[in-house]
Amino acid sequence: MKPKKELQKRKMNIFWTNKAKSDLQILEDFLIENWGFDVLENFYVILEKKISLLENGNLIHQKYEDTDFHKLLITKHNSIIYEISGNQINLLNMINNFRNPDSNYNLITEK
């Protein structure tokens, strides 16, 4: 029996685009206004854990639809759309998973 090949893990650099930062700010405002600071704090704990997984290369990158982008589920309500460029992960958008999928797709693919 052949030994299993070790997967090479590399530290990735995370870059937040202006659009992703804007999406996050809108989500932050929504959470504070509708659910309060405790929910916002819980969201940030989850977000930081998921970003850390991306940063450390500890997950399989799920493709987003028929694009070159990837999707990372943050909570059942939100996902991050990102692209990989060498050892950098560019966070492009945060999307609401309950929004019309066509609307999300159009937001992400429009130039």
N, C-alpha and C. Protein backbone atom coordinates (compact mmCIF):
# COMPACT_ATOMS: atom_id res chain seq x y z
N MET A 1 0.84 -1.18 0.00
CA MET A 1 0.00 0.00 0.00
C MET A 1 0.89 1.25 0.00
N LYS A 2 0.58 2.17 -0.90
CA LYS A 2 1.36 3.39 -1.00
C LYS A 2 1.00 4.35 0.13
N PRO A 3 2.00 5.09 0.65
CA PRO A 3 1.68 6.09 1.70
C PRO A 3 0.85 7.21 1.10
N LYS A 4 -0.01 7.77 1.92
CA LYS A 4 -0.84 8.89 1.48
C LYS A 4 0.04 10.11 1.25
N LYS A 5 -0.27 10.81 0.18
CA LYS A 5 0.47 12.03 -0.15
C LYS A 5 0.03 13.15 0.79
N GLU A 6 0.97 13.81 1.42
CA GLU A 6 0.67 14.94 2.30
C GLU A 6 0.18 16.12 1.47
N LEU A 7 -0.89 16.73 1.90
CA LEU A 7 -1.37 17.94 1.23
C LEU A 7 -0.52 19.11 1.69
N GLN A 8 -0.06 19.88 0.75
CA GLN A 8 0.73 21.07 1.06
C GLN A 8 -0.21 22.19 1.47
N LYS A 9 -0.07 22.67 2.69
CA LYS A 9 -0.87 23.80 3.15
C LYS A 9 0.03 25.02 3.17
N ARG A 10 -0.50 26.12 2.70
CA ARG A 10 0.29 27.35 2.70
C ARG A 10 -0.55 28.47 3.27
N LYS A 11 0.10 29.35 3.90
CA LYS A 11 -0.56 30.53 4.47
C LYS A 11 -0.98 31.45 3.33
N MET A 12 -2.24 31.82 3.31
CA MET A 12 -2.77 32.69 2.27
C MET A 12 -2.93 34.10 2.84
N ASN A 13 -2.72 35.10 2.00
CA ASN A 13 -2.97 36.48 2.39
C ASN A 13 -4.43 36.80 2.07
N ILE A 14 -5.10 37.46 2.98
CA ILE A 14 -6.50 37.83 2.80
C ILE A 14 -6.58 39.31 2.47
N PHE A 15 -7.29 39.64 1.40
CA PHE A 15 -7.48 41.03 0.98
C PHE A 15 -8.97 41.30 0.86
N TRP A 16 -9.45 42.29 1.60
CA TRP A 16 -10.85 42.72 1.53
C TRP A 16 -10.98 43.81 0.47
N THR A 17 -11.76 43.56 -0.57
CA THR A 17 -12.01 44.61 -1.56
C THR A 17 -12.93 45.65 -0.95
N ASN A 18 -12.99 46.81 -1.57
CA ASN A 18 -13.90 47.86 -1.09
C ASN A 18 -15.34 47.39 -1.09
N LYS A 19 -15.73 46.61 -2.09
CA LYS A 19 -17.11 46.10 -2.17
C LYS A 19 -17.39 45.17 -0.99
N ALA A 20 -16.47 44.28 -0.69
CA ALA A 20 -16.66 43.36 0.44
C ALA A 20 -16.72 44.13 1.76
N LYS A 21 -15.88 45.16 1.91
CA LYS A 21 -15.92 45.99 3.12
C LYS A 21 -17.26 46.71 3.24
N SER A 22 -17.75 47.21 2.13
CA SER A 22 -19.05 47.90 2.11
C SER A 22 -20.17 46.94 2.46
N ASP A 23 -20.14 45.75 1.87
CA ASP A 23 -21.15 44.72 2.18
C ASP A 23 -21.14 44.38 3.67
N LEU A 24 -19.94 44.25 4.22
CA LEU A 24 -19.80 43.92 5.64
C LEU A 24 -20.35 45.05 6.52
N GLN A 25 -20.10 46.29 6.15
CA GLN A 25 -20.62 47.43 6.91
C GLN A 25 -22.15 47.45 6.88
N ILE A 26 -22.73 47.19 5.74
CA ILE A 26 -24.19 47.15 5.62
C ILE A 26 -24.75 46.03 6.49
N LEU A 27 -24.12 44.86 6.46
CA LEU A 27 -24.55 43.75 7.29
C LEU A 27 -24.41 44.08 8.77
N GLU A 28 -23.30 44.71 9.13
CA GLU A 28 -23.08 45.10 10.53
C GLU A 28 -24.19 46.04 11.00
N ASP A 29 -24.51 47.05 10.20
CA ASP A 29 -25.57 47.99 10.55
C ASP A 29 -26.91 47.27 10.71
N PHE A 30 -27.19 46.34 9.80
CA PHE A 30 -28.44 45.57 9.87
C PHE A 30 -28.51 44.75 11.15
N LEU A 31 -27.43 44.05 11.48
CA LEU A 31 -27.43 43.21 12.68
C LEU A 31 -27.60 44.03 13.95
N ILE A 32 -26.91 45.16 14.04
CA ILE A 32 -27.04 46.01 15.22
C ILE A 32 -28.47 46.53 15.34
N GLU A 33 -29.00 47.05 14.25
CA GLU A 33 -30.33 47.65 14.26
C GLU A 33 -31.43 46.65 14.58
N ASN A 34 -31.31 45.44 14.02
CA ASN A 34 -32.39 44.47 14.15
C ASN A 34 -32.19 43.41 15.24
N TRP A 35 -30.94 43.13 15.61
CA TRP A 35 -30.70 42.03 16.52
C TRP A 35 -29.81 42.39 17.71
N GLY A 36 -29.10 43.50 17.64
CA GLY A 36 -28.29 43.93 18.77
C GLY A 36 -26.84 43.52 18.69
N PHE A 37 -26.08 44.03 19.67
CA PHE A 37 -24.64 43.83 19.67
C PHE A 37 -24.22 42.39 19.94
N ASP A 38 -25.00 41.64 20.73
CA ASP A 38 -24.64 40.24 21.01
C ASP A 38 -24.62 39.42 19.72
N VAL A 39 -25.63 39.62 18.89
CA VAL A 39 -25.69 38.89 17.62
C VAL A 39 -24.53 39.32 16.72
N LEU A 40 -24.23 40.61 16.71
CA LEU A 40 -23.10 41.11 15.91
C LEU A 40 -21.79 40.48 16.39
N GLU A 41 -21.58 40.44 17.69
CA GLU A 41 -20.36 39.84 18.24
C GLU A 41 -20.26 38.37 17.87
N ASN A 42 -21.37 37.64 17.97
CA ASN A 42 -21.38 36.22 17.60
C ASN A 42 -21.05 36.04 16.12
N PHE A 43 -21.61 36.93 15.29
CA PHE A 43 -21.32 36.88 13.86
C PHE A 43 -19.82 37.07 13.61
N TYR A 44 -19.21 38.04 14.28
CA TYR A 44 -17.78 38.30 14.08
C TYR A 44 -16.91 37.13 14.56
N VAL A 45 -17.32 36.44 15.60
CA VAL A 45 -16.57 35.26 16.05
C VAL A 45 -16.59 34.20 14.94
N ILE A 46 -17.76 33.97 14.37
CA ILE A 46 -17.89 32.99 13.28
C ILE A 46 -17.10 33.44 12.06
N LEU A 47 -17.23 34.71 11.70
CA LEU A 47 -16.53 35.25 10.53
C LEU A 47 -15.01 35.09 10.69
N GLU A 48 -14.49 35.43 11.85
CA GLU A 48 -13.05 35.31 12.08
C GLU A 48 -12.57 33.86 11.97
N LYS A 49 -13.37 32.91 12.47
CA LYS A 49 -13.00 31.50 12.36
C LYS A 49 -12.97 31.06 10.90
N LYS A 50 -13.96 31.49 10.14
CA LYS A 50 -14.03 31.10 8.72
C LYS A 50 -12.89 31.73 7.92
N ILE A 51 -12.59 32.99 8.19
CA ILE A 51 -11.49 33.67 7.50
C ILE A 51 -10.17 32.98 7.85
N SER A 52 -10.03 32.56 9.09
CA SER A 52 -8.83 31.85 9.52
C SER A 52 -8.67 30.53 8.75
N LEU A 53 -9.77 29.82 8.53
CA LEU A 53 -9.73 28.60 7.73
C LEU A 53 -9.23 28.89 6.32
N LEU A 54 -9.75 29.96 5.73
CA LEU A 54 -9.30 30.37 4.40
C LEU A 54 -7.81 30.70 4.41
N GLU A 55 -7.42 31.49 5.38
CA GLU A 55 -6.04 31.98 5.50
C GLU A 55 -5.04 30.84 5.64
N ASN A 56 -5.45 29.80 6.37
CA ASN A 56 -4.55 28.68 6.64
C ASN A 56 -4.69 27.54 5.64
N GLY A 57 -5.53 27.71 4.63
CA GLY A 57 -5.68 26.69 3.60
C GLY A 57 -6.32 25.41 4.10
N ASN A 58 -7.18 25.52 5.11
CA ASN A 58 -7.77 24.34 5.73
C ASN A 58 -9.17 24.01 5.23
N LEU A 59 -9.45 24.30 3.97
CA LEU A 59 -10.75 23.93 3.45
C LEU A 59 -10.69 23.74 1.94
N ILE A 60 -11.70 23.08 1.44
CA ILE A 60 -11.83 22.88 0.00
C ILE A 60 -12.64 24.05 -0.54
N HIS A 61 -12.16 24.61 -1.62
CA HIS A 61 -12.80 25.80 -2.19
C HIS A 61 -13.96 25.41 -3.09
N GLN A 62 -15.17 25.75 -2.67
CA GLN A 62 -16.38 25.48 -3.44
C GLN A 62 -16.54 26.54 -4.53
N LYS A 63 -16.72 26.10 -5.77
CA LYS A 63 -16.95 27.04 -6.87
C LYS A 63 -18.30 27.71 -6.70
N TYR A 64 -18.39 28.95 -7.16
CA TYR A 64 -19.66 29.67 -7.15
C TYR A 64 -20.23 29.67 -8.56
N GLU A 65 -21.32 28.95 -8.70
CA GLU A 65 -22.04 28.86 -9.98
C GLU A 65 -21.06 28.54 -11.11
N ASP A 66 -21.21 29.22 -12.24
CA ASP A 66 -20.36 28.96 -13.41
C ASP A 66 -19.29 30.04 -13.56
N THR A 67 -18.77 30.50 -12.42
CA THR A 67 -17.77 31.57 -12.43
C THR A 67 -16.41 31.00 -12.00
N ASP A 68 -15.41 31.85 -12.02
CA ASP A 68 -14.09 31.47 -11.49
C ASP A 68 -13.98 31.79 -10.01
N PHE A 69 -15.08 32.23 -9.41
CA PHE A 69 -15.09 32.61 -8.00
C PHE A 69 -15.44 31.42 -7.12
N HIS A 70 -15.21 31.61 -5.82
CA HIS A 70 -15.51 30.59 -4.82
C HIS A 70 -16.47 31.17 -3.79
N LYS A 71 -17.15 30.26 -3.09
CA LYS A 71 -18.14 30.67 -2.09
C LYS A 71 -17.81 30.00 -0.76
N LEU A 72 -17.83 30.80 0.30
CA LEU A 72 -17.62 30.28 1.65
C LEU A 72 -18.83 30.64 2.49
N LEU A 73 -19.50 29.63 3.00
CA LEU A 73 -20.66 29.83 3.87
C LEU A 73 -20.16 30.35 5.22
N ILE A 74 -20.68 31.50 5.63
CA ILE A 74 -20.33 32.07 6.93
C ILE A 74 -21.38 31.65 7.95
N THR A 75 -22.62 31.97 7.68
CA THR A 75 -23.77 31.51 8.47
C THR A 75 -24.82 31.05 7.47
N LYS A 76 -25.92 30.51 7.95
CA LYS A 76 -26.96 30.11 7.00
C LYS A 76 -27.51 31.32 6.24
N HIS A 77 -27.26 32.50 6.75
CA HIS A 77 -27.78 33.72 6.14
C HIS A 77 -26.81 34.37 5.15
N ASN A 78 -25.50 34.18 5.35
CA ASN A 78 -24.51 34.93 4.58
C ASN A 78 -23.35 34.07 4.10
N SER A 79 -22.83 34.42 2.94
CA SER A 79 -21.65 33.78 2.38
C SER A 79 -20.71 34.87 1.87
N ILE A 80 -19.44 34.50 1.72
CA ILE A 80 -18.45 35.38 1.11
C ILE A 80 -18.09 34.78 -0.25
N ILE A 81 -18.03 35.64 -1.24
CA ILE A 81 -17.56 35.26 -2.56
C ILE A 81 -16.13 35.76 -2.69
N TYR A 82 -15.24 34.90 -3.15
CA TYR A 82 -13.84 35.28 -3.22
C TYR A 82 -13.17 34.65 -4.43
N GLU A 83 -11.98 35.16 -4.74
CA GLU A 83 -11.16 34.57 -5.79
C GLU A 83 -9.78 34.31 -5.23
N ILE A 84 -9.11 33.34 -5.83
CA ILE A 84 -7.76 32.98 -5.41
C ILE A 84 -6.80 33.45 -6.49
N SER A 85 -5.77 34.17 -6.07
CA SER A 85 -4.75 34.66 -6.99
C SER A 85 -3.39 34.38 -6.36
N GLY A 86 -2.76 33.31 -6.78
CA GLY A 86 -1.49 32.91 -6.17
C GLY A 86 -1.69 32.56 -4.71
N ASN A 87 -0.98 33.25 -3.83
CA ASN A 87 -1.16 32.99 -2.39
C ASN A 87 -2.02 34.07 -1.73
N GLN A 88 -2.86 34.73 -2.55
CA GLN A 88 -3.76 35.76 -2.01
C GLN A 88 -5.21 35.37 -2.28
N ILE A 89 -6.04 35.59 -1.28
CA ILE A 89 -7.48 35.41 -1.42
C ILE A 89 -8.11 36.79 -1.38
N ASN A 90 -8.79 37.14 -2.45
CA ASN A 90 -9.47 38.42 -2.55
C ASN A 90 -10.94 38.23 -2.21
N LEU A 91 -11.37 38.80 -1.10
CA LEU A 91 -12.77 38.73 -0.71
C LEU A 91 -13.52 39.78 -1.53
N LEU A 92 -14.47 39.33 -2.33
CA LEU A 92 -15.12 40.20 -3.31
C LEU A 92 -16.47 40.73 -2.84
N ASN A 93 -17.30 39.86 -2.30
CA ASN A 93 -18.66 40.24 -1.90
C ASN A 93 -19.10 39.42 -0.71
N MET A 94 -20.01 39.98 0.07
CA MET A 94 -20.76 39.20 1.04
C MET A 94 -22.18 39.17 0.52
N ILE A 95 -22.75 37.98 0.45
CA ILE A 95 -24.10 37.87 -0.10
C ILE A 95 -25.06 37.31 0.94
N ASN A 96 -26.32 37.67 0.77
CA ASN A 96 -27.41 37.16 1.59
C ASN A 96 -27.88 35.88 0.91
N ASN A 97 -27.80 34.76 1.60
CA ASN A 97 -28.16 33.47 1.01
C ASN A 97 -29.65 33.31 0.74
N PHE A 98 -30.46 34.19 1.31
CA PHE A 98 -31.90 34.10 1.09
C PHE A 98 -32.40 35.03 0.00
N ARG A 99 -31.50 35.82 -0.56
CA ARG A 99 -31.86 36.69 -1.68
C ARG A 99 -32.03 35.81 -2.92
N ASN A 100 -32.77 36.31 -3.86
CA ASN A 100 -32.96 35.62 -5.12
C ASN A 100 -31.57 35.26 -5.69
N PRO A 101 -31.33 33.97 -5.99
CA PRO A 101 -30.02 33.56 -6.50
C PRO A 101 -29.59 34.31 -7.76
N ASP A 102 -30.54 34.64 -8.62
CA ASP A 102 -30.20 35.40 -9.83
C ASP A 102 -29.70 36.80 -9.47
N SER A 103 -30.31 37.42 -8.46
CA SER A 103 -29.85 38.74 -8.02
C SER A 103 -28.44 38.68 -7.47
N ASN A 104 -28.16 37.67 -6.64
CA ASN A 104 -26.80 37.49 -6.12
C ASN A 104 -25.81 37.29 -7.26
N TYR A 105 -26.16 36.43 -8.20
CA TYR A 105 -25.29 36.14 -9.33
C TYR A 105 -24.99 37.41 -10.13
N ASN A 106 -26.03 38.18 -10.39
CA ASN A 106 -25.86 39.44 -11.15
C ASN A 106 -24.98 40.43 -10.41
N LEU A 107 -25.14 40.53 -9.10
CA LEU A 107 -24.30 41.43 -8.31
C LEU A 107 -22.83 41.05 -8.40
N ILE A 108 -22.57 39.77 -8.43
CA ILE A 108 -21.21 39.28 -8.41
C ILE A 108 -20.55 39.34 -9.78
N THR A 109 -21.31 39.09 -10.82
CA THR A 109 -20.71 38.99 -12.15
C THR A 109 -20.74 40.29 -12.94
N GLU A 110 -21.47 41.30 -12.45
CA GLU A 110 -21.49 42.56 -13.20
C GLU A 110 -20.16 43.27 -13.05
N LYS A 111 -19.73 43.86 -14.10
CA LYS A 111 -18.45 44.58 -14.10
C LYS A 111 -18.69 46.07 -14.14
